[in-house]
Amino acid sequence: MKVSKRAQSVPPSATIAVTSRAKEMAAEGIDVVSFAAGEPDFDTPNFIKTAAIEAINAGKTGYTAANGILKLRNAIAEKLASDNELDYTPDQIIVNIGAKHSVYTALQAVIDPGDDVLLPAPYWVTYPEAVKLAGGKVKVIHTEKENSYKLTPELLESSITDRTALLILNSPNNPGGFSYTPQEFADLAEVLEDTDVMVLSDEIYEKLVYGGTKFVSFAAVSDDAYERTLTINGFSKAFAMTGWRLGYTAGPLSAIRAMGRLQSHMTSNAVTFVQEAALAALADKTGTVESMRVEFEKRGNYMAKRLNELPGIQCHQPTGAFYCFPDVSSLYGRTMGQAPVKDSMSFAQVLLEQANVAVVPGEPFGCPDNVRLSFACSTEQIEKGLDRIEKWLSS
């Protein structure tokens, strides 16, 4: 059967590819430690499960409005006001089927063929593919390790042309594990003033910040930033609801309405009883999210410390999300066993096959000197995996 050129041009997700190979090895009886998946190891809290079950039993299983039930959009608006100092009406909010769907639909709504989209590296692997599917042209901005891989005002200003339509920001960052400070975002916002550049701000890791880091939404740093920004968030990371597939987008009414028109033909509404469960998540006062955050911070501190003790590896302390993103490039050119380590792709492959540890190579994230390790797994698994890496490097 014929396959479209569009579909042929999209590579599989690098994170899913590594995870799949690790699962294949585990199915063969091999004890694999996987640092690949970006998924909390915590189960979804029981009060959220209960809300979904009660909604099903109450018959809340039919269609809703394509942009989401009004009471959920109201609750999201209240959350954005109280947590993020962002004033949106429910009509300025759309509920999507996961934040990945939010990103895809937002780009389809605001990008025209030939538009340039600025993408600071490191970036999540889905961003460039979603831009291309919208007809946009990806313009990667290469950042510096010395600045924790953050975009600077100087880099941003030098990258903007008359073809630039959109800047994608992600803080806390996947895969980089860094977060922008309020002042850093304010400085970037100042560069964008008097331009027509829109911003897509992916804030899915908002609740997972460490070391006293203060999270700020990009749209909250100025009135100008508010007017040009689509803010994306969801429930997967903070509430351990990855498989529930629920995200949302807030922003200018014209863009949100456009997303709604597209979504009405793409998917209709997000799952009805999942939207009811999201209401319970937003109303949570149990401290469950904070307890998960505290545990992630402990794991991240431990992983970064151990990585920096290994020869040839340099790792910034993570301030958000649940990833370490060490530079391993000084190890390129070595031969491990009979296998050469030439780049991050071969580093990850050889590490998996020889030490049974799965990490994600940095090339698909725009940073070939790095690999990504997720600490969204137990401390025991982190210890075991890092012990194996240490032994592998010394062999």
Protein backbone atom coordinates (compact mmCIF):
# COMPACT_ATOMS: atom_id res chain seq x y z
CA MET A 1 0.00 0.00 0.00
CA LYS A 2 1.17 3.53 -0.75
CA VAL A 3 2.52 5.47 2.23
CA SER A 4 2.52 9.25 2.07
CA LYS A 5 5.76 11.18 1.84
CA ARG A 6 4.60 13.04 4.92
CA ALA A 7 4.44 9.87 6.97
CA GLN A 8 7.69 8.55 5.52
CA SER A 9 9.49 11.72 6.58
CA VAL A 10 8.67 11.25 10.28
CA PRO A 11 11.23 9.18 12.21
CA PRO A 12 10.18 7.10 15.20
CA SER A 13 10.62 8.71 18.60
CA ALA A 14 14.15 8.12 19.88
CA THR A 15 12.90 7.68 23.42
CA ILE A 16 10.35 5.08 22.36
CA ALA A 17 12.95 3.26 20.23
CA VAL A 18 15.37 2.89 23.15
CA THR A 19 12.59 1.90 25.53
CA SER A 20 11.34 -0.71 23.07
CA ARG A 21 14.78 -2.30 22.74
CA ALA A 22 15.19 -2.34 26.51
CA LYS A 23 11.80 -4.05 26.83
CA GLU A 24 12.79 -6.62 24.20
CA MET A 25 15.90 -7.47 26.20
CA ALA A 26 13.89 -7.69 29.41
CA ALA A 27 11.44 -10.06 27.67
CA GLU A 28 14.43 -12.25 26.85
CA GLY A 29 15.17 -12.51 30.56
CA ILE A 30 17.92 -9.89 30.65
CA ASP A 31 17.99 -7.64 33.72
CA VAL A 32 17.92 -4.18 32.11
CA VAL A 33 18.02 -0.91 34.03
CA SER A 34 16.19 1.65 31.94
CA PHE A 35 16.82 5.36 32.29
CA ALA A 36 15.03 5.96 28.99
CA ALA A 37 11.35 6.62 29.57
CA GLY A 38 10.00 10.00 30.60
CA GLU A 39 7.28 8.56 32.77
CA PRO A 40 6.84 8.76 36.55
CA ASP A 41 7.20 5.40 38.28
CA PHE A 42 4.47 6.43 40.73
CA ASP A 43 0.96 5.11 40.19
CA THR A 44 -1.85 7.58 39.54
CA PRO A 45 -3.19 8.71 42.95
CA ASN A 46 -6.24 6.78 44.12
CA PHE A 47 -8.45 9.87 44.47
CA ILE A 48 -8.03 10.52 40.74
CA LYS A 49 -8.83 6.90 39.86
CA THR A 50 -11.89 7.04 42.09
CA ALA A 51 -13.15 10.18 40.36
CA ALA A 52 -12.88 8.49 36.97
CA ILE A 53 -14.67 5.36 38.17
CA GLU A 54 -17.45 7.43 39.73
CA ALA A 55 -17.82 9.38 36.48
CA ILE A 56 -18.14 6.15 34.49
CA ASN A 57 -20.69 4.77 36.90
CA ALA A 58 -22.63 8.02 36.67
CA GLY A 59 -22.88 7.60 32.91
CA LYS A 60 -20.46 10.36 31.99
CA THR A 61 -19.28 8.50 28.90
CA GLY A 62 -20.77 10.50 26.03
CA TYR A 63 -19.46 13.30 23.87
CA THR A 64 -18.61 16.69 25.31
CA ALA A 65 -17.85 19.95 23.54
CA ALA A 66 -14.75 19.48 21.40
CA ASN A 67 -12.78 21.99 23.47
CA GLY A 68 -13.60 20.28 26.79
CA ILE A 69 -16.25 20.43 29.49
CA LEU A 70 -16.90 23.93 30.80
CA LYS A 71 -16.32 23.09 34.47
CA LEU A 72 -12.86 21.73 33.65
CA ARG A 73 -11.96 24.78 31.60
CA ASN A 74 -13.19 26.91 34.49
CA ALA A 75 -11.01 24.91 36.90
CA ILE A 76 -8.00 25.28 34.61
CA ALA A 77 -8.61 29.03 34.41
CA GLU A 78 -8.69 29.18 38.22
CA LYS A 79 -5.49 27.13 38.41
CA LEU A 80 -3.71 29.41 35.92
CA ALA A 81 -4.81 32.47 37.87
CA SER A 82 -3.77 31.17 41.30
CA ASP A 83 -0.61 29.27 40.36
CA ASN A 84 0.68 31.20 37.35
CA GLU A 85 -0.75 34.73 37.64
CA LEU A 86 -2.39 34.30 34.24
CA ASP A 87 -5.87 35.65 33.59
CA TYR A 88 -7.72 33.53 31.01
CA THR A 89 -11.42 33.04 30.41
CA PRO A 90 -12.68 29.48 29.80
CA ASP A 91 -13.09 30.40 26.12
CA GLN A 92 -9.33 30.98 25.96
CA ILE A 93 -8.65 27.38 27.06
CA ILE A 94 -8.93 24.13 25.13
CA VAL A 95 -8.58 20.63 26.58
CA ASN A 96 -6.49 18.33 24.40
CA ILE A 97 -5.64 14.64 24.34
CA GLY A 98 -2.31 14.97 26.11
CA ALA A 99 0.15 17.86 25.92
CA LYS A 100 1.74 16.25 22.85
CA HIS A 101 -1.59 16.70 21.09
CA SER A 102 -1.67 20.26 22.42
CA VAL A 103 1.69 20.97 20.75
CA TYR A 104 0.66 19.39 17.46
CA THR A 105 -2.72 21.14 17.28
CA ALA A 106 -1.27 24.51 18.31
CA LEU A 107 1.32 24.36 15.55
CA GLN A 108 -1.31 23.32 13.01
CA ALA A 109 -3.38 26.32 14.09
CA VAL A 110 -0.73 29.06 13.88
CA ILE A 111 2.00 27.94 11.46
CA ASP A 112 1.81 28.39 7.68
CA PRO A 113 4.00 26.54 5.16
CA GLY A 114 7.41 28.19 4.97
CA ASP A 115 7.26 29.85 8.40
CA ASP A 116 10.47 29.65 10.42
CA VAL A 117 10.14 28.20 13.92
CA LEU A 118 12.97 28.85 16.39
CA LEU A 119 13.90 25.78 18.42
CA PRO A 120 16.60 26.08 21.09
CA ALA A 121 18.63 22.90 21.54
CA PRO A 122 18.27 20.75 23.55
CA TYR A 123 14.67 20.20 22.53
CA TRP A 124 12.06 17.48 22.95
CA VAL A 125 12.18 15.12 19.98
CA THR A 126 8.55 15.74 18.96
CA TYR A 127 8.91 19.50 18.42
CA PRO A 128 10.78 19.47 15.09
CA GLU A 129 8.56 16.74 13.65
CA ALA A 130 5.38 18.59 14.67
CA VAL A 131 6.75 21.78 13.09
CA LYS A 132 7.50 19.97 9.82
CA LEU A 133 4.05 18.38 9.74
CA ALA A 134 2.59 21.89 10.00
CA GLY A 135 4.69 22.96 7.01
CA GLY A 136 7.08 25.04 9.06
CA LYS A 137 10.85 25.19 8.80
CA VAL A 138 12.84 24.33 11.92
CA LYS A 139 15.62 26.76 12.77
CA VAL A 140 17.68 25.26 15.57
CA ILE A 141 19.42 27.62 17.98
CA HIS A 142 22.51 25.94 19.44
CA THR A 143 23.02 26.87 23.08
CA GLU A 144 26.10 26.63 25.28
CA LYS A 145 26.90 24.07 27.96
CA GLU A 146 28.46 26.84 30.05
CA ASN A 147 25.02 28.48 30.28
CA SER A 148 23.29 25.22 31.22
CA TYR A 149 22.03 24.99 27.62
CA LYS A 150 19.63 27.91 28.11
CA LEU A 151 18.67 30.33 25.36
CA THR A 152 20.14 33.79 25.88
CA PRO A 153 18.71 37.13 24.68
CA GLU A 154 21.74 37.55 22.41
CA LEU A 155 21.21 34.18 20.72
CA LEU A 156 17.50 34.84 20.34
CA GLU A 157 17.96 38.29 18.85
CA SER A 158 20.53 37.06 16.33
CA SER A 159 18.19 34.26 15.21
CA ILE A 160 15.09 36.33 14.41
CA THR A 161 14.46 37.20 10.76
CA ASP A 162 11.45 38.49 8.85
CA ARG A 163 10.48 34.84 8.29
CA THR A 164 10.39 33.95 11.99
CA ALA A 165 6.87 33.09 13.11
CA LEU A 166 7.26 31.24 16.40
CA LEU A 167 9.65 30.44 19.24
CA ILE A 168 9.23 27.19 21.21
CA LEU A 169 10.21 27.29 24.87
CA ASN A 170 10.15 24.41 27.33
CA SER A 171 10.80 25.02 31.02
CA PRO A 172 11.46 22.91 33.01
CA ASN A 173 13.22 21.35 30.07
CA ASN A 174 13.12 17.88 28.56
CA PRO A 175 15.81 16.65 28.05
CA GLY A 176 18.04 19.27 29.66
CA GLY A 177 16.70 19.17 33.22
CA PHE A 178 17.14 22.95 33.52
CA SER A 179 14.63 25.72 34.27
CA TYR A 180 14.53 29.37 33.29
CA THR A 181 14.43 31.95 36.06
CA PRO A 182 11.80 34.73 36.01
CA GLN A 183 14.50 37.22 35.02
CA GLU A 184 15.79 35.02 32.20
CA PHE A 185 12.29 34.73 30.75
CA ALA A 186 11.74 38.48 31.17
CA ASP A 187 14.95 39.17 29.23
CA LEU A 188 13.83 36.89 26.39
CA ALA A 189 10.40 38.51 26.35
CA GLU A 190 11.99 41.94 25.98
CA VAL A 191 13.79 40.79 22.82
CA LEU A 192 10.46 39.75 21.30
CA GLU A 193 8.79 43.11 21.84
CA ASP A 194 8.11 44.96 18.56
CA THR A 195 8.27 41.68 16.63
CA ASP A 196 5.50 39.43 15.32
CA VAL A 197 7.07 36.28 16.79
CA MET A 198 4.62 34.06 18.64
CA VAL A 199 5.68 31.82 21.53
CA LEU A 200 4.67 28.28 22.37
CA SER A 201 5.54 27.69 26.03
CA ASP A 202 5.45 24.01 27.04
CA GLU A 203 5.11 23.88 30.84
CA ILE A 204 4.23 20.22 31.36
CA TYR A 205 6.93 19.81 34.07
CA GLU A 206 5.82 22.92 35.95
CA LYS A 207 5.33 21.20 39.31
CA LEU A 208 8.67 19.39 39.21
CA VAL A 209 11.26 22.01 40.15
CA TYR A 210 14.18 21.64 42.57
CA GLY A 211 16.79 23.46 44.56
CA GLY A 212 14.58 26.40 45.45
CA THR A 213 13.85 27.11 41.78
CA LYS A 214 10.90 29.45 41.25
CA PHE A 215 8.74 28.41 38.32
CA VAL A 216 7.28 31.15 36.15
CA SER A 217 5.06 30.94 33.07
CA PHE A 218 6.51 32.80 30.11
CA ALA A 219 3.17 34.52 29.45
CA ALA A 220 3.22 35.95 32.98
CA VAL A 221 6.42 37.98 32.67
CA SER A 222 4.84 40.90 30.77
CA ASP A 223 1.66 42.04 29.07
CA ASP A 224 3.40 41.71 25.72
CA ALA A 225 4.43 38.12 26.46
CA TYR A 226 0.86 37.29 27.45
CA GLU A 227 -0.52 38.51 24.12
CA ARG A 228 1.88 36.46 21.98
CA THR A 229 2.02 33.19 23.95
CA LEU A 230 0.24 29.84 23.80
CA THR A 231 0.74 28.14 27.17
CA ILE A 232 0.64 24.35 27.15
CA ASN A 233 0.36 22.12 30.21
CA GLY A 234 -1.24 18.86 31.26
CA PHE A 235 -1.64 16.15 33.86
CA SER A 236 0.84 13.45 32.81
CA LYS A 237 3.94 14.38 34.78
CA ALA A 238 2.76 16.12 37.96
CA PHE A 239 -0.14 13.74 38.63
CA ALA A 240 1.43 10.53 37.21
CA MET A 241 -1.34 10.37 34.60
CA THR A 242 0.72 9.59 31.49
CA GLY A 243 -1.66 7.00 30.07
CA TRP A 244 -4.77 9.08 30.73
CA ARG A 245 -3.81 11.46 27.90
CA LEU A 246 -5.02 14.88 28.97
CA GLY A 247 -3.43 18.24 28.27
CA TYR A 248 -4.59 21.79 27.73
CA THR A 249 -3.68 25.00 25.95
CA ALA A 250 -4.41 28.59 26.97
CA GLY A 251 -3.83 31.69 24.91
CA PRO A 252 -5.27 34.34 22.61
CA LEU A 253 -8.88 33.65 21.71
CA SER A 254 -8.29 33.55 17.93
CA ALA A 255 -5.68 30.78 18.25
CA ILE A 256 -7.71 28.75 20.75
CA ARG A 257 -10.77 28.92 18.52
CA ALA A 258 -8.66 27.77 15.58
CA MET A 259 -7.39 24.84 17.63
CA GLY A 260 -10.98 24.00 18.54
CA ARG A 261 -12.04 23.91 14.89
CA LEU A 262 -9.17 21.59 14.05
CA GLN A 263 -9.77 19.35 17.06
CA SER A 264 -13.44 19.01 16.21
CA HIS A 265 -12.39 17.24 13.02
CA MET A 266 -9.30 15.46 14.39
CA THR A 267 -10.50 13.81 17.58
CA SER A 268 -13.61 15.54 18.95
CA ASN A 269 -13.32 15.83 22.73
CA ALA A 270 -10.81 14.37 25.14
CA VAL A 271 -12.12 11.33 27.02
CA THR A 272 -15.13 12.45 29.04
CA PHE A 273 -14.50 10.61 32.31
CA VAL A 274 -10.81 11.52 32.19
CA GLN A 275 -11.87 15.16 32.17
CA GLU A 276 -13.88 14.45 35.32
CA ALA A 277 -10.81 12.86 36.91
CA ALA A 278 -8.79 15.96 36.01
CA LEU A 279 -11.17 18.03 38.09
CA ALA A 280 -10.24 15.90 41.10
CA ALA A 281 -6.55 16.34 40.30
CA LEU A 282 -6.82 20.12 40.17
CA ALA A 283 -8.75 20.18 43.44
CA ASP A 284 -6.18 18.04 45.29
CA LYS A 285 -5.17 19.26 48.74
CA THR A 286 -3.48 16.03 49.90
CA GLY A 287 0.10 17.04 49.11
CA THR A 288 0.54 14.03 46.81
CA VAL A 289 2.17 16.04 44.04
CA GLU A 290 4.61 17.64 46.48
CA SER A 291 5.59 14.26 47.94
CA MET A 292 6.41 13.00 44.44
CA ARG A 293 8.37 16.17 43.71
CA VAL A 294 10.46 15.76 46.87
CA GLU A 295 11.30 12.18 45.94
CA PHE A 296 12.28 13.17 42.40
CA GLU A 297 14.55 15.89 43.79
CA LYS A 298 16.37 13.37 46.01
CA ARG A 299 16.86 11.04 43.08
CA GLY A 300 18.07 13.82 40.79
CA ASN A 301 20.61 15.06 43.32
CA TYR A 302 21.95 11.54 43.76
CA MET A 303 22.13 10.80 40.05
CA ALA A 304 23.90 14.05 39.19
CA LYS A 305 26.42 13.54 42.00
CA ARG A 306 27.22 10.00 40.88
CA LEU A 307 27.50 10.98 37.22
CA ASN A 308 29.94 13.78 38.00
CA GLU A 309 32.12 11.31 39.89
CA LEU A 310 32.53 9.17 36.76
CA PRO A 311 35.59 9.78 34.56
CA GLY A 312 34.85 11.71 31.39
CA ILE A 313 31.29 12.70 32.32
CA GLN A 314 30.07 16.21 33.14
CA CYS A 315 26.54 16.81 34.37
CA HIS A 316 24.68 19.95 35.44
CA GLN A 317 22.54 19.71 38.56
CA PRO A 318 18.92 19.29 37.41
CA THR A 319 16.59 22.09 38.50
CA GLY A 320 13.44 20.69 36.94
CA ALA A 321 11.71 17.77 35.17
CA PHE A 322 13.24 14.37 35.93
CA TYR A 323 16.28 14.18 33.67
CA CYS A 324 20.04 14.42 33.89
CA PHE A 325 21.68 15.41 30.61
CA PRO A 326 25.40 14.74 30.96
CA ASP A 327 28.06 15.57 28.39
CA VAL A 328 29.82 12.30 27.50
CA SER A 329 31.71 13.54 24.44
CA SER A 330 35.13 13.10 26.05
CA LEU A 331 34.50 9.35 25.86
CA TYR A 332 34.04 9.37 22.09
CA GLY A 333 36.85 7.59 20.29
CA ARG A 334 37.14 4.85 22.91
CA THR A 335 36.55 1.19 22.21
CA MET A 336 34.45 -0.70 24.73
CA GLY A 337 35.00 -4.41 24.27
CA GLN A 338 35.20 -4.67 20.51
CA ALA A 339 32.70 -1.84 19.96
CA PRO A 340 33.77 1.70 19.08
CA VAL A 341 32.04 4.62 20.81
CA LYS A 342 31.94 7.34 18.17
CA ASP A 343 28.96 9.45 19.21
CA SER A 344 25.99 9.49 21.55
CA MET A 345 24.07 7.00 19.41
CA SER A 346 26.82 4.39 19.63
CA PHE A 347 27.42 5.28 23.30
CA ALA A 348 23.80 4.44 24.11
CA GLN A 349 23.80 1.29 21.97
CA VAL A 350 27.03 -0.12 23.40
CA LEU A 351 26.02 0.75 26.98
CA LEU A 352 22.72 -1.09 26.52
CA GLU A 353 24.22 -4.17 24.93
CA GLN A 354 27.28 -4.46 27.20
CA ALA A 355 26.08 -3.11 30.55
CA ASN A 356 22.32 -3.61 30.19
CA VAL A 357 21.62 0.06 30.92
CA ALA A 358 19.32 2.08 28.67
CA VAL A 359 19.89 5.81 28.12
CA VAL A 360 18.69 8.05 25.29
CA PRO A 361 21.27 9.49 22.85
CA GLY A 362 21.47 13.25 22.51
CA GLU A 363 21.41 13.54 18.69
CA PRO A 364 17.59 13.51 18.41
CA PHE A 365 17.49 16.26 21.04
CA GLY A 366 19.87 18.44 19.02
CA CYS A 367 22.84 17.84 21.36
CA PRO A 368 25.17 15.12 20.04
CA ASP A 369 27.60 15.50 22.95
CA ASN A 370 25.02 14.38 25.51
CA VAL A 371 22.82 11.51 26.63
CA ARG A 372 19.62 11.70 28.67
CA LEU A 373 19.02 9.71 31.83
CA SER A 374 15.61 9.77 33.49
CA PHE A 375 15.46 9.52 37.27
CA ALA A 376 11.76 8.67 37.17
CA CYS A 377 12.59 5.26 38.59
CA SER A 378 13.36 3.92 42.04
CA THR A 379 16.50 4.85 43.95
CA GLU A 380 17.47 1.18 43.95
CA GLN A 381 17.30 1.09 40.14
CA ILE A 382 19.28 4.32 39.89
CA GLU A 383 22.00 2.92 42.16
CA LYS A 384 22.13 -0.35 40.23
CA GLY A 385 22.29 1.39 36.86
CA LEU A 386 24.98 3.85 37.87
CA ASP A 387 27.03 1.04 39.41
CA ARG A 388 26.87 -0.73 36.06
CA ILE A 389 27.90 2.39 34.15
CA GLU A 390 30.82 2.90 36.55
CA LYS A 391 31.96 -0.69 36.06
CA TRP A 392 31.49 -0.44 32.28
CA LEU A 393 33.62 2.71 32.07
CA SER A 394 36.41 1.13 34.10
CA SER A 395 36.49 -2.08 32.07
